[in-house]
Amino acid sequence: MLRLTAVAAAVALVSAPLQAREITFGHVGGPDSLFSDSANYFAELVNERLPEPYEVVVFGSSQLGTDSELLQRMRLGTVDLALPSTIMSSVADEFGLFELPYLIQDREHMKRVEEEVFWPELAPLAEQNGYRILAVWENGFRHITNNRRAINTPEDLRGIKLRVPQGVWRVRMFEEYGAEPSPMSLSEVFMALQTGVMDGQENPLAQIAGQRFQEVQNYLSLTGHVYTPAYLTAGRRFNNLPDEIQEIIIEAARETQAFVYEHAAQLDQDLIDVIRQANTEVNEVDTSVFIEASGPIYEAFSSEVPGSQALIDRVLALGNDS
């Protein structure tokens, strides 16, 4: 009798469904943003390959927290994956490299920088601080929106209260240009623009349209002042996954980059019309005047972040190959 009971228990155990292991992935992008599209593409790709009981579950629109909260939760082990961008300069100063204006020329340039500078030099710095970067995706080329006037030169930014992300060098850059920059979480920006707490903000077109900023902004100026990567990043809990599960996730994450770049390039074309349809005035910008005004930012970064001049030189040299 005891033997039959043991056999029945074993059969029940084998036939019982495996307990699900959700791999949580949080990001701040709104619906239809590049972040959302990228994360959903990755989740679909990786979940086709993951065995039971593993599944990547995406939480967008800051549902699991702001960028800074997501970094903290990855360290604590309560979130598995996130998609930080500018805020990584708060993890390691060297990530501020990607806050320098007009440093990255195009996506082909960024691919070379990723291979020859990012993985050997920057990714290990993130890991030393408790974050494992699995793949480099994109936030994008950033432009300025505001409710005061079209921005054609740095002088046009004087007196404009401008929301920026939480990155020291973005603040320093816009202070140099003459604006009044204030760091603020993305989830708070729409209300700040709508109420006039902020006059404007700067973001890639995919974030501008994804957050519907065109509904509360009169001007879009195509400055393209900074290209910001986004980093699919894992926290402490990722290392507890079986090696084969980690490998599946990393492989899918890096395969997703091709989709991200192609989709981002298409959005850059399509979303200008979307923004114009909201009666937002769009103007092209002669970037040479902004580039000329950017020298002090480079000088400050190279003097304050040890070893950064060598990184800048390498990135610039890779741009010359375009």
C-alpha atoms as a PDB file:
ATOM      1  CA  MET A   1       0.000   0.000   0.000  1.00  0.00           C
ATOM      2  CA  LEU A   2       2.788   2.410   0.934  1.00  0.00           C
ATOM      3  CA  ARG A   3       4.592   1.550  -2.292  1.00  0.00           C
ATOM      4  CA  LEU A   4       1.470   2.302  -4.380  1.00  0.00           C
ATOM      5  CA  THR A   5       1.046   5.635  -2.589  1.00  0.00           C
ATOM      6  CA  ALA A   6       4.635   6.590  -3.346  1.00  0.00           C
ATOM      7  CA  VAL A   7       4.231   5.663  -7.022  1.00  0.00           C
ATOM      8  CA  ALA A   8       1.012   7.698  -7.258  1.00  0.00           C
ATOM      9  CA  ALA A   9       2.736  10.698  -5.668  1.00  0.00           C
ATOM     10  CA  ALA A  10       5.620  10.442  -8.120  1.00  0.00           C
ATOM     11  CA  VAL A  11       3.256  10.259 -11.091  1.00  0.00           C
ATOM     12  CA  ALA A  12       1.356  13.295  -9.822  1.00  0.00           C
ATOM     13  CA  LEU A  13       4.611  15.215  -9.426  1.00  0.00           C
ATOM     14  CA  VAL A  14       5.736  14.437 -12.961  1.00  0.00           C
ATOM     15  CA  SER A  15       2.368  15.298 -14.511  1.00  0.00           C
ATOM     16  CA  ALA A  16       1.901  18.544 -12.522  1.00  0.00           C
ATOM     17  CA  PRO A  17       2.553  21.725 -14.528  1.00  0.00           C
ATOM     18  CA  LEU A  18       5.916  23.340 -13.906  1.00  0.00           C
ATOM     19  CA  GLN A  19       5.789  26.480 -11.811  1.00  0.00           C
ATOM     20  CA  ALA A  20       6.227  29.478 -14.117  1.00  0.00           C
ATOM     21  CA  ARG A  21       9.460  31.469 -13.828  1.00  0.00           C
ATOM     22  CA  GLU A  22       8.734  34.938 -15.143  1.00  0.00           C
ATOM     23  CA  ILE A  23      11.770  36.866 -16.307  1.00  0.00           C
ATOM     24  CA  THR A  24      10.595  40.420 -15.704  1.00  0.00           C
ATOM     25  CA  PHE A  25      11.642  43.122 -18.164  1.00  0.00           C
ATOM     26  CA  GLY A  26      10.821  46.724 -17.303  1.00  0.00           C
ATOM     27  CA  HIS A  27      11.283  49.864 -19.380  1.00  0.00           C
ATOM     28  CA  VAL A  28      10.020  53.460 -19.436  1.00  0.00           C
ATOM     29  CA  GLY A  29       8.831  53.652 -23.057  1.00  0.00           C
ATOM     30  CA  GLY A  30       5.179  54.242 -23.806  1.00  0.00           C
ATOM     31  CA  PRO A  31       3.013  52.193 -26.181  1.00  0.00           C
ATOM     32  CA  ASP A  32       4.237  52.273 -29.791  1.00  0.00           C
ATOM     33  CA  SER A  33       7.596  53.770 -28.759  1.00  0.00           C
ATOM     34  CA  LEU A  34      10.854  52.301 -30.028  1.00  0.00           C
ATOM     35  CA  PHE A  35      11.486  50.894 -26.555  1.00  0.00           C
ATOM     36  CA  SER A  36       8.114  49.168 -26.565  1.00  0.00           C
ATOM     37  CA  ASP A  37       8.487  47.793 -30.084  1.00  0.00           C
ATOM     38  CA  SER A  38      12.038  46.602 -29.374  1.00  0.00           C
ATOM     39  CA  ALA A  39      11.131  44.941 -26.085  1.00  0.00           C
ATOM     40  CA  ASN A  40       8.080  43.201 -27.547  1.00  0.00           C
ATOM     41  CA  TYR A  41      10.032  41.939 -30.578  1.00  0.00           C
ATOM     42  CA  PHE A  42      12.715  40.552 -28.270  1.00  0.00           C
ATOM     43  CA  ALA A  43      10.165  38.927 -25.945  1.00  0.00           C
ATOM     44  CA  GLU A  44       8.434  37.179 -28.836  1.00  0.00           C
ATOM     45  CA  LEU A  45      11.751  35.996 -30.241  1.00  0.00           C
ATOM     46  CA  VAL A  46      13.167  34.715 -26.971  1.00  0.00           C
ATOM     47  CA  ASN A  47       9.943  33.119 -25.709  1.00  0.00           C
ATOM     48  CA  GLU A  48       9.809  30.946 -28.838  1.00  0.00           C
ATOM     49  CA  ARG A  49      13.146  29.477 -27.720  1.00  0.00           C
ATOM     50  CA  LEU A  50      12.866  29.327 -23.951  1.00  0.00           C
ATOM     51  CA  PRO A  51      11.788  25.979 -22.485  1.00  0.00           C
ATOM     52  CA  GLU A  52       9.109  25.777 -19.829  1.00  0.00           C
ATOM     53  CA  PRO A  53       8.758  27.173 -17.236  1.00  0.00           C
ATOM     54  CA  TYR A  54      10.716  30.261 -18.359  1.00  0.00           C
ATOM     55  CA  GLU A  55       9.052  33.276 -19.987  1.00  0.00           C
ATOM     56  CA  VAL A  56      10.111  36.898 -20.501  1.00  0.00           C
ATOM     57  CA  VAL A  57       7.283  39.251 -19.500  1.00  0.00           C
ATOM     58  CA  VAL A  58       7.536  42.921 -20.537  1.00  0.00           C
ATOM     59  CA  PHE A  59       6.294  45.829 -18.410  1.00  0.00           C
ATOM     60  CA  GLY A  60       6.508  49.160 -20.258  1.00  0.00           C
ATOM     61  CA  SER A  61       5.416  52.730 -19.465  1.00  0.00           C
ATOM     62  CA  SER A  62       7.393  52.789 -16.179  1.00  0.00           C
ATOM     63  CA  GLN A  63       5.067  50.172 -14.652  1.00  0.00           C
ATOM     64  CA  LEU A  64       7.984  48.724 -12.688  1.00  0.00           C
ATOM     65  CA  GLY A  65       9.517  52.118 -11.951  1.00  0.00           C
ATOM     66  CA  THR A  66      11.563  54.944 -13.407  1.00  0.00           C
ATOM     67  CA  ASP A  67      15.003  54.292 -14.878  1.00  0.00           C
ATOM     68  CA  SER A  68      16.675  54.940 -11.528  1.00  0.00           C
ATOM     69  CA  GLU A  69      14.180  52.699  -9.727  1.00  0.00           C
ATOM     70  CA  LEU A  70      14.699  49.933 -12.277  1.00  0.00           C
ATOM     71  CA  LEU A  71      18.464  50.076 -11.756  1.00  0.00           C
ATOM     72  CA  GLN A  72      17.930  49.753  -8.024  1.00  0.00           C
ATOM     73  CA  ARG A  73      15.484  46.879  -8.401  1.00  0.00           C
ATOM     74  CA  MET A  74      17.869  44.981 -10.654  1.00  0.00           C
ATOM     75  CA  ARG A  75      20.520  45.302  -7.946  1.00  0.00           C
ATOM     76  CA  LEU A  76      18.044  44.068  -5.346  1.00  0.00           C
ATOM     77  CA  GLY A  77      16.980  41.161  -7.561  1.00  0.00           C
ATOM     78  CA  THR A  78      13.306  42.112  -7.859  1.00  0.00           C
ATOM     79  CA  VAL A  79      13.525  42.908 -11.612  1.00  0.00           C
ATOM     80  CA  ASP A  80      15.475  40.767 -14.075  1.00  0.00           C
ATOM     81  CA  LEU A  81      15.946  43.010 -17.117  1.00  0.00           C
ATOM     82  CA  ALA A  82      15.673  46.711 -17.970  1.00  0.00           C
ATOM     83  CA  LEU A  83      16.488  49.065 -20.834  1.00  0.00           C
ATOM     84  CA  PRO A  84      18.398  52.052 -19.410  1.00  0.00           C
ATOM     85  CA  SER A  85      19.895  54.722 -21.629  1.00  0.00           C
ATOM     86  CA  THR A  86      21.310  58.090 -20.488  1.00  0.00           C
ATOM     87  CA  ILE A  87      21.065  57.123 -16.830  1.00  0.00           C
ATOM     88  CA  MET A  88      23.962  54.669 -17.231  1.00  0.00           C
ATOM     89  CA  SER A  89      26.317  57.634 -16.801  1.00  0.00           C
ATOM     90  CA  SER A  90      25.226  57.552 -13.148  1.00  0.00           C
ATOM     91  CA  VAL A  91      26.547  53.983 -12.930  1.00  0.00           C
ATOM     92  CA  ALA A  92      29.946  54.748 -14.469  1.00  0.00           C
ATOM     93  CA  ASP A  93      31.168  58.196 -15.520  1.00  0.00           C
ATOM     94  CA  GLU A  94      32.577  56.834 -18.758  1.00  0.00           C
ATOM     95  CA  PHE A  95      29.061  56.185 -20.088  1.00  0.00           C
ATOM     96  CA  GLY A  96      28.812  59.963 -20.354  1.00  0.00           C
ATOM     97  CA  LEU A  97      30.709  59.478 -23.602  1.00  0.00           C
ATOM     98  CA  PHE A  98      27.309  58.954 -25.238  1.00  0.00           C
ATOM     99  CA  GLU A  99      26.074  62.282 -23.881  1.00  0.00           C
ATOM    100  CA  LEU A 100      28.646  64.264 -25.837  1.00  0.00           C
ATOM    101  CA  PRO A 101      26.995  66.259 -28.637  1.00  0.00           C
ATOM    102  CA  TYR A 102      27.447  65.164 -32.244  1.00  0.00           C
ATOM    103  CA  LEU A 103      29.904  62.400 -31.321  1.00  0.00           C
ATOM    104  CA  ILE A 104      28.080  59.542 -33.090  1.00  0.00           C
ATOM    105  CA  GLN A 105      27.502  60.194 -36.798  1.00  0.00           C
ATOM    106  CA  ASP A 106      25.107  57.397 -37.749  1.00  0.00           C
ATOM    107  CA  ARG A 107      24.166  53.815 -36.906  1.00  0.00           C
ATOM    108  CA  GLU A 108      27.037  52.327 -38.929  1.00  0.00           C
ATOM    109  CA  HIS A 109      29.418  54.445 -36.870  1.00  0.00           C
ATOM    110  CA  MET A 110      27.697  53.226 -33.694  1.00  0.00           C
ATOM    111  CA  LYS A 111      28.165  49.599 -34.740  1.00  0.00           C
ATOM    112  CA  ARG A 112      31.924  50.135 -34.975  1.00  0.00           C
ATOM    113  CA  VAL A 113      31.975  51.980 -31.657  1.00  0.00           C
ATOM    114  CA  GLU A 114      30.035  49.142 -30.050  1.00  0.00           C
ATOM    115  CA  GLU A 115      32.509  46.521 -31.221  1.00  0.00           C
ATOM    116  CA  GLU A 116      35.756  48.398 -30.625  1.00  0.00           C
ATOM    117  CA  VAL A 117      34.971  50.700 -27.683  1.00  0.00           C
ATOM    118  CA  PHE A 118      31.770  49.726 -25.911  1.00  0.00           C
ATOM    119  CA  TRP A 119      32.288  46.013 -25.273  1.00  0.00           C
ATOM    120  CA  PRO A 120      35.983  46.132 -24.321  1.00  0.00           C
ATOM    121  CA  GLU A 121      35.883  49.416 -22.353  1.00  0.00           C
ATOM    122  CA  LEU A 122      32.416  50.302 -21.061  1.00  0.00           C
ATOM    123  CA  ALA A 123      30.506  47.048 -20.545  1.00  0.00           C
ATOM    124  CA  PRO A 124      33.040  45.810 -17.932  1.00  0.00           C
ATOM    125  CA  LEU A 125      32.521  49.031 -15.942  1.00  0.00           C
ATOM    126  CA  ALA A 126      28.798  48.314 -15.713  1.00  0.00           C
ATOM    127  CA  GLU A 127      29.515  44.761 -14.577  1.00  0.00           C
ATOM    128  CA  GLN A 128      31.845  46.033 -11.848  1.00  0.00           C
ATOM    129  CA  ASN A 129      28.868  47.994 -10.534  1.00  0.00           C
ATOM    130  CA  GLY A 130      26.462  45.061 -10.552  1.00  0.00           C
ATOM    131  CA  TYR A 131      24.923  45.287 -14.029  1.00  0.00           C
ATOM    132  CA  ARG A 132      25.445  42.907 -16.924  1.00  0.00           C
ATOM    133  CA  ILE A 133      24.758  44.437 -20.326  1.00  0.00           C
ATOM    134  CA  LEU A 134      23.452  41.779 -22.704  1.00  0.00           C
ATOM    135  CA  ALA A 135      23.007  43.824 -25.893  1.00  0.00           C
ATOM    136  CA  VAL A 136      23.164  47.355 -27.252  1.00  0.00           C
ATOM    137  CA  TRP A 137      19.897  48.621 -28.748  1.00  0.00           C
ATOM    138  CA  GLU A 138      18.838  52.210 -29.348  1.00  0.00           C
ATOM    139  CA  ASN A 139      17.155  55.219 -27.841  1.00  0.00           C
ATOM    140  CA  GLY A 140      18.060  57.360 -30.843  1.00  0.00           C
ATOM    141  CA  PHE A 141      19.072  60.746 -32.238  1.00  0.00           C
ATOM    142  CA  ARG A 142      17.653  63.427 -29.980  1.00  0.00           C
ATOM    143  CA  HIS A 143      15.788  66.592 -30.967  1.00  0.00           C
ATOM    144  CA  ILE A 144      14.311  69.539 -29.077  1.00  0.00           C
ATOM    145  CA  THR A 145      10.631  70.389 -28.630  1.00  0.00           C
ATOM    146  CA  ASN A 146       9.295  73.454 -26.816  1.00  0.00           C
ATOM    147  CA  ASN A 147       6.436  75.937 -26.588  1.00  0.00           C
ATOM    148  CA  ARG A 148       8.389  79.191 -26.884  1.00  0.00           C
ATOM    149  CA  ARG A 149      10.044  79.351 -30.308  1.00  0.00           C
ATOM    150  CA  ALA A 150      11.803  77.402 -33.026  1.00  0.00           C
ATOM    151  CA  ILE A 151      15.378  76.521 -32.053  1.00  0.00           C
ATOM    152  CA  ASN A 152      17.916  77.346 -34.753  1.00  0.00           C
ATOM    153  CA  THR A 153      20.972  78.291 -32.696  1.00  0.00           C
ATOM    154  CA  PRO A 154      22.092  77.748 -29.099  1.00  0.00           C
ATOM    155  CA  GLU A 155      21.099  81.367 -28.375  1.00  0.00           C
ATOM    156  CA  ASP A 156      17.469  80.415 -29.066  1.00  0.00           C
ATOM    157  CA  LEU A 157      17.577  78.144 -25.997  1.00  0.00           C
ATOM    158  CA  ARG A 158      18.296  80.978 -23.572  1.00  0.00           C
ATOM    159  CA  GLY A 159      15.732  81.077 -20.791  1.00  0.00           C
ATOM    160  CA  ILE A 160      13.931  77.923 -21.906  1.00  0.00           C
ATOM    161  CA  LYS A 161      13.080  75.522 -19.078  1.00  0.00           C
ATOM    162  CA  LEU A 162      14.069  72.210 -20.616  1.00  0.00           C
ATOM    163  CA  ARG A 163      13.445  68.748 -19.230  1.00  0.00           C
ATOM    164  CA  VAL A 164      16.425  66.428 -19.627  1.00  0.00           C
ATOM    165  CA  PRO A 165      17.024  62.835 -18.466  1.00  0.00           C
ATOM    166  CA  GLN A 166      19.078  62.017 -15.412  1.00  0.00           C
ATOM    167  CA  GLY A 167      22.560  62.437 -16.827  1.00  0.00           C
ATOM    168  CA  VAL A 168      25.064  64.981 -15.546  1.00  0.00           C
ATOM    169  CA  TRP A 169      26.507  65.767 -18.961  1.00  0.00           C
ATOM    170  CA  ARG A 170      23.150  66.433 -20.622  1.00  0.00           C
ATOM    171  CA  VAL A 171      22.548  69.076 -17.973  1.00  0.00           C
ATOM    172  CA  ARG A 172      26.025  70.541 -18.506  1.00  0.00           C
ATOM    173  CA  MET A 173      25.556  70.602 -22.281  1.00  0.00           C
ATOM    174  CA  PHE A 174      22.290  72.528 -22.210  1.00  0.00           C
ATOM    175  CA  GLU A 175      23.586  74.908 -19.571  1.00  0.00           C
ATOM    176  CA  GLU A 176      26.451  75.657 -21.956  1.00  0.00           C
ATOM    177  CA  TYR A 177      23.928  76.277 -24.750  1.00  0.00           C
ATOM    178  CA  GLY A 178      22.027  78.704 -22.493  1.00  0.00           C
ATOM    179  CA  ALA A 179      18.927  76.700 -21.551  1.00  0.00           C
ATOM    180  CA  GLU A 180      17.669  76.015 -18.024  1.00  0.00           C
ATOM    181  CA  PRO A 181      17.789  72.185 -17.920  1.00  0.00           C
ATOM    182  CA  SER A 182      16.148  70.110 -15.190  1.00  0.00           C
ATOM    183  CA  PRO A 183      16.391  66.305 -14.864  1.00  0.00           C
ATOM    184  CA  MET A 184      13.015  64.599 -14.640  1.00  0.00           C
ATOM    185  CA  SER A 185      11.678  61.071 -15.044  1.00  0.00           C
ATOM    186  CA  LEU A 186      10.082  60.415 -18.428  1.00  0.00           C
ATOM    187  CA  SER A 187       6.749  59.462 -16.852  1.00  0.00           C
ATOM    188  CA  GLU A 188       6.431  62.992 -15.398  1.00  0.00           C
ATOM    189  CA  VAL A 189       7.255  64.964 -18.537  1.00  0.00           C
ATOM    190  CA  PHE A 190       3.875  65.162 -20.313  1.00  0.00           C
ATOM    191  CA  MET A 191       2.218  66.792 -17.311  1.00  0.00           C
ATOM    192  CA  ALA A 192       5.168  69.148 -16.827  1.00  0.00           C
ATOM    193  CA  LEU A 193       4.880  70.312 -20.436  1.00  0.00           C
ATOM    194  CA  GLN A 194       1.099  70.538 -20.334  1.00  0.00           C
ATOM    195  CA  THR A 195       1.082  72.686 -17.183  1.00  0.00           C
ATOM    196  CA  GLY A 196       4.020  74.867 -18.216  1.00  0.00           C
ATOM    197  CA  VAL A 197       6.325  73.661 -15.445  1.00  0.00           C
ATOM    198  CA  MET A 198       8.690  72.910 -18.348  1.00  0.00           C
ATOM    199  CA  ASP A 199       8.803  74.795 -21.641  1.00  0.00           C
ATOM    200  CA  GLY A 200      10.315  71.917 -23.568  1.00  0.00           C
ATOM    201  CA  GLN A 201      12.217  68.661 -23.616  1.00  0.00           C
ATOM    202  CA  GLU A 202      14.642  66.724 -25.833  1.00  0.00           C
ATOM    203  CA  ASN A 203      14.234  63.146 -27.008  1.00  0.00           C
ATOM    204  CA  PRO A 204      14.369  60.924 -30.081  1.00  0.00           C
ATOM    205  CA  LEU A 205      11.326  61.146 -32.360  1.00  0.00           C
ATOM    206  CA  ALA A 206      10.184  57.695 -31.228  1.00  0.00           C
ATOM    207  CA  GLN A 207       9.984  58.842 -27.615  1.00  0.00           C
ATOM    208  CA  ILE A 208       8.426  62.194 -28.543  1.00  0.00           C
ATOM    209  CA  ALA A 209       5.623  60.526 -30.505  1.00  0.00           C
ATOM    210  CA  GLY A 210       5.374  57.557 -28.129  1.00  0.00           C
ATOM    211  CA  GLN A 211       4.789  59.922 -25.202  1.00  0.00           C
ATOM    212  CA  ARG A 212       2.465  62.166 -27.311  1.00  0.00           C
ATOM    213  CA  PHE A 213       4.536  65.253 -26.548  1.00  0.00           C
ATOM    214  CA  GLN A 214       3.448  66.782 -29.848  1.00  0.00           C
ATOM    215  CA  GLU A 215       0.022  67.250 -28.269  1.00  0.00           C
ATOM    216  CA  VAL A 216       1.472  69.758 -25.789  1.00  0.00           C
ATOM    217  CA  GLN A 217       4.404  71.239 -27.770  1.00  0.00           C
ATOM    218  CA  ASN A 218       4.350  73.898 -30.490  1.00  0.00           C
ATOM    219  CA  TYR A 219       7.816  73.439 -31.995  1.00  0.00           C
ATOM    220  CA  LEU A 220      10.060  70.519 -32.979  1.00  0.00           C
ATOM    221  CA  SER A 221      13.620  71.492 -33.948  1.00  0.00           C
ATOM    222  CA  LEU A 222      15.623  68.730 -35.641  1.00  0.00           C
ATOM    223  CA  THR A 223      18.906  69.324 -33.825  1.00  0.00           C
ATOM    224  CA  GLY A 224      20.027  65.675 -33.662  1.00  0.00           C
ATOM    225  CA  HIS A 225      22.331  66.840 -30.876  1.00  0.00           C
ATOM    226  CA  VAL A 226      23.028  63.485 -29.228  1.00  0.00           C
ATOM    227  CA  TYR A 227      22.729  59.838 -30.202  1.00  0.00           C
ATOM    228  CA  THR A 228      21.853  57.702 -27.195  1.00  0.00           C
ATOM    229  CA  PRO A 229      22.150  53.921 -27.190  1.00  0.00           C
ATOM    230  CA  ALA A 230      19.894  51.829 -24.975  1.00  0.00           C
ATOM    231  CA  TYR A 231      21.318  48.847 -23.140  1.00  0.00           C
ATOM    232  CA  LEU A 232      19.457  45.627 -22.475  1.00  0.00           C
ATOM    233  CA  THR A 233      20.728  45.131 -18.955  1.00  0.00           C
ATOM    234  CA  ALA A 234      20.432  42.336 -16.410  1.00  0.00           C
ATOM    235  CA  GLY A 235      20.646  42.471 -12.640  1.00  0.00           C
ATOM    236  CA  ARG A 236      21.820  40.096  -9.947  1.00  0.00           C
ATOM    237  CA  ARG A 237      18.996  37.554 -10.437  1.00  0.00           C
ATOM    238  CA  PHE A 238      20.020  36.884 -14.040  1.00  0.00           C
ATOM    239  CA  ASN A 239      23.162  35.056 -12.899  1.00  0.00           C
ATOM    240  CA  ASN A 240      20.998  32.567 -10.992  1.00  0.00           C
ATOM    241  CA  LEU A 241      19.397  31.352 -14.212  1.00  0.00           C
ATOM    242  CA  PRO A 242      20.820  28.152 -15.729  1.00  0.00           C
ATOM    243  CA  ASP A 243      23.652  28.804 -18.178  1.00  0.00           C
ATOM    244  CA  GLU A 244      21.646  27.516 -21.136  1.00  0.00           C
ATOM    245  CA  ILE A 245      18.782  29.914 -20.316  1.00  0.00           C
ATOM    246  CA  GLN A 246      21.194  32.833 -20.074  1.00  0.00           C
ATOM    247  CA  GLU A 247      22.679  31.926 -23.459  1.00  0.00           C
ATOM    248  CA  ILE A 248      19.256  31.804 -25.134  1.00  0.00           C
ATOM    249  CA  ILE A 249      18.381  35.243 -23.749  1.00  0.00           C
ATOM    250  CA  ILE A 250      21.704  36.824 -24.753  1.00  0.00           C
ATOM    251  CA  GLU A 251      21.552  35.376 -28.266  1.00  0.00           C
ATOM    252  CA  ALA A 252      18.016  36.671 -28.811  1.00  0.00           C
ATOM    253  CA  ALA A 253      18.951  40.063 -27.320  1.00  0.00           C
ATOM    254  CA  ARG A 254      21.806  40.543 -29.761  1.00  0.00           C
ATOM    255  CA  GLU A 255      19.769  39.298 -32.721  1.00  0.00           C
ATOM    256  CA  THR A 256      17.148  41.908 -31.846  1.00  0.00           C
ATOM    257  CA  GLN A 257      19.582  44.740 -32.591  1.00  0.00           C
ATOM    258  CA  ALA A 258      19.127  44.395 -36.365  1.00  0.00           C
ATOM    259  CA  PHE A 259      15.371  44.863 -35.958  1.00  0.00           C
ATOM    260  CA  VAL A 260      15.915  47.814 -33.609  1.00  0.00           C
ATOM    261  CA  TYR A 261      18.175  49.711 -36.029  1.00  0.00           C
ATOM    262  CA  GLU A 262      15.983  49.057 -39.070  1.00  0.00           C
ATOM    263  CA  HIS A 263      12.797  49.954 -37.208  1.00  0.00           C
ATOM    264  CA  ALA A 264      14.364  53.070 -35.669  1.00  0.00           C
ATOM    265  CA  ALA A 265      15.482  54.343 -39.067  1.00  0.00           C
ATOM    266  CA  GLN A 266      11.962  53.881 -40.424  1.00  0.00           C
ATOM    267  CA  LEU A 267      10.432  55.662 -37.431  1.00  0.00           C
ATOM    268  CA  ASP A 268      12.781  58.601 -37.987  1.00  0.00           C
ATOM    269  CA  GLN A 269      11.174  59.012 -41.412  1.00  0.00           C
ATOM    270  CA  ASP A 270       7.571  58.297 -40.494  1.00  0.00           C
ATOM    271  CA  LEU A 271       7.161  60.161 -37.221  1.00  0.00           C
ATOM    272  CA  ILE A 272       7.944  63.658 -38.462  1.00  0.00           C
ATOM    273  CA  ASP A 273       4.620  63.559 -40.363  1.00  0.00           C
ATOM    274  CA  VAL A 274       2.843  62.212 -37.270  1.00  0.00           C
ATOM    275  CA  ILE A 275       4.193  65.106 -35.227  1.00  0.00           C
ATOM    276  CA  ARG A 276       3.336  67.672 -37.934  1.00  0.00           C
ATOM    277  CA  GLN A 277      -0.243  66.402 -38.037  1.00  0.00           C
ATOM    278  CA  ALA A 278      -0.607  67.571 -34.432  1.00  0.00           C
ATOM    279  CA  ASN A 279       0.068  71.135 -35.680  1.00  0.00           C
ATOM    280  CA  THR A 280       3.586  71.130 -34.255  1.00  0.00           C
ATOM    281  CA  GLU A 281       5.892  73.313 -36.349  1.00  0.00           C
ATOM    282  CA  VAL A 282       8.984  71.412 -37.528  1.00  0.00           C
ATOM    283  CA  ASN A 283      12.237  73.124 -38.523  1.00  0.00           C
ATOM    284  CA  GLU A 284      15.558  71.850 -39.862  1.00  0.00           C
ATOM    285  CA  VAL A 285      18.675  73.092 -38.052  1.00  0.00           C
ATOM    286  CA  ASP A 286      22.154  74.055 -39.223  1.00  0.00           C
ATOM    287  CA  THR A 287      24.019  71.881 -36.725  1.00  0.00           C
ATOM    288  CA  SER A 288      27.382  73.536 -37.368  1.00  0.00           C
ATOM    289  CA  VAL A 289      26.567  76.337 -34.903  1.00  0.00           C
ATOM    290  CA  PHE A 290      25.739  73.774 -32.210  1.00  0.00           C
ATOM    291  CA  ILE A 291      28.913  71.818 -32.944  1.00  0.00           C
ATOM    292  CA  GLU A 292      30.946  75.002 -32.634  1.00  0.00           C
ATOM    293  CA  ALA A 293      29.350  75.732 -29.254  1.00  0.00           C
ATOM    294  CA  SER A 294      30.080  72.197 -27.983  1.00  0.00           C
ATOM    295  CA  GLY A 295      33.850  72.528 -27.500  1.00  0.00           C
ATOM    296  CA  PRO A 296      33.651  73.390 -23.771  1.00  0.00           C
ATOM    297  CA  ILE A 297      31.607  70.232 -23.101  1.00  0.00           C
ATOM    298  CA  TYR A 298      34.300  68.034 -24.622  1.00  0.00           C
ATOM    299  CA  GLU A 299      37.017  69.884 -22.724  1.00  0.00           C
ATOM    300  CA  ALA A 300      35.197  69.487 -19.407  1.00  0.00           C
ATOM    301  CA  PHE A 301      34.445  65.798 -19.980  1.00  0.00           C
ATOM    302  CA  SER A 302      38.015  64.954 -20.945  1.00  0.00           C
ATOM    303  CA  SER A 303      39.422  66.816 -17.948  1.00  0.00           C
ATOM    304  CA  GLU A 304      36.975  65.439 -15.373  1.00  0.00           C
ATOM    305  CA  VAL A 305      36.634  61.797 -16.467  1.00  0.00           C
ATOM    306  CA  PRO A 306      40.033  60.042 -16.366  1.00  0.00           C
ATOM    307  CA  GLY A 307      40.974  58.314 -19.609  1.00  0.00           C
ATOM    308  CA  SER A 308      38.054  59.785 -21.515  1.00  0.00           C
ATOM    309  CA  GLN A 309      40.118  61.695 -24.078  1.00  0.00           C
ATOM    310  CA  ALA A 310      41.472  58.398 -25.404  1.00  0.00           C
ATOM    311  CA  LEU A 311      37.896  57.099 -25.699  1.00  0.00           C
ATOM    312  CA  ILE A 312      36.781  60.242 -27.517  1.00  0.00           C
ATOM    313  CA  ASP A 313      39.702  59.996 -29.930  1.00  0.00           C
ATOM    314  CA  ARG A 314      38.939  56.364 -30.703  1.00  0.00           C
ATOM    315  CA  VAL A 315      35.264  57.091 -31.332  1.00  0.00           C
ATOM    316  CA  LEU A 316      36.077  60.038 -33.593  1.00  0.00           C
ATOM    317  CA  ALA A 317      38.589  57.954 -35.543  1.00  0.00           C
ATOM    318  CA  LEU A 318      35.957  55.265 -36.095  1.00  0.00           C
ATOM    319  CA  GLY A 319      33.642  57.935 -37.451  1.00  0.00           C
ATOM    320  CA  ASN A 320      36.180  58.851 -40.074  1.00  0.00           C
ATOM    321  CA  ASP A 321      35.700  55.374 -41.549  1.00  0.00           C
ATOM    322  CA  SER A 322      32.092  56.190 -42.557  1.00  0.00           C
END
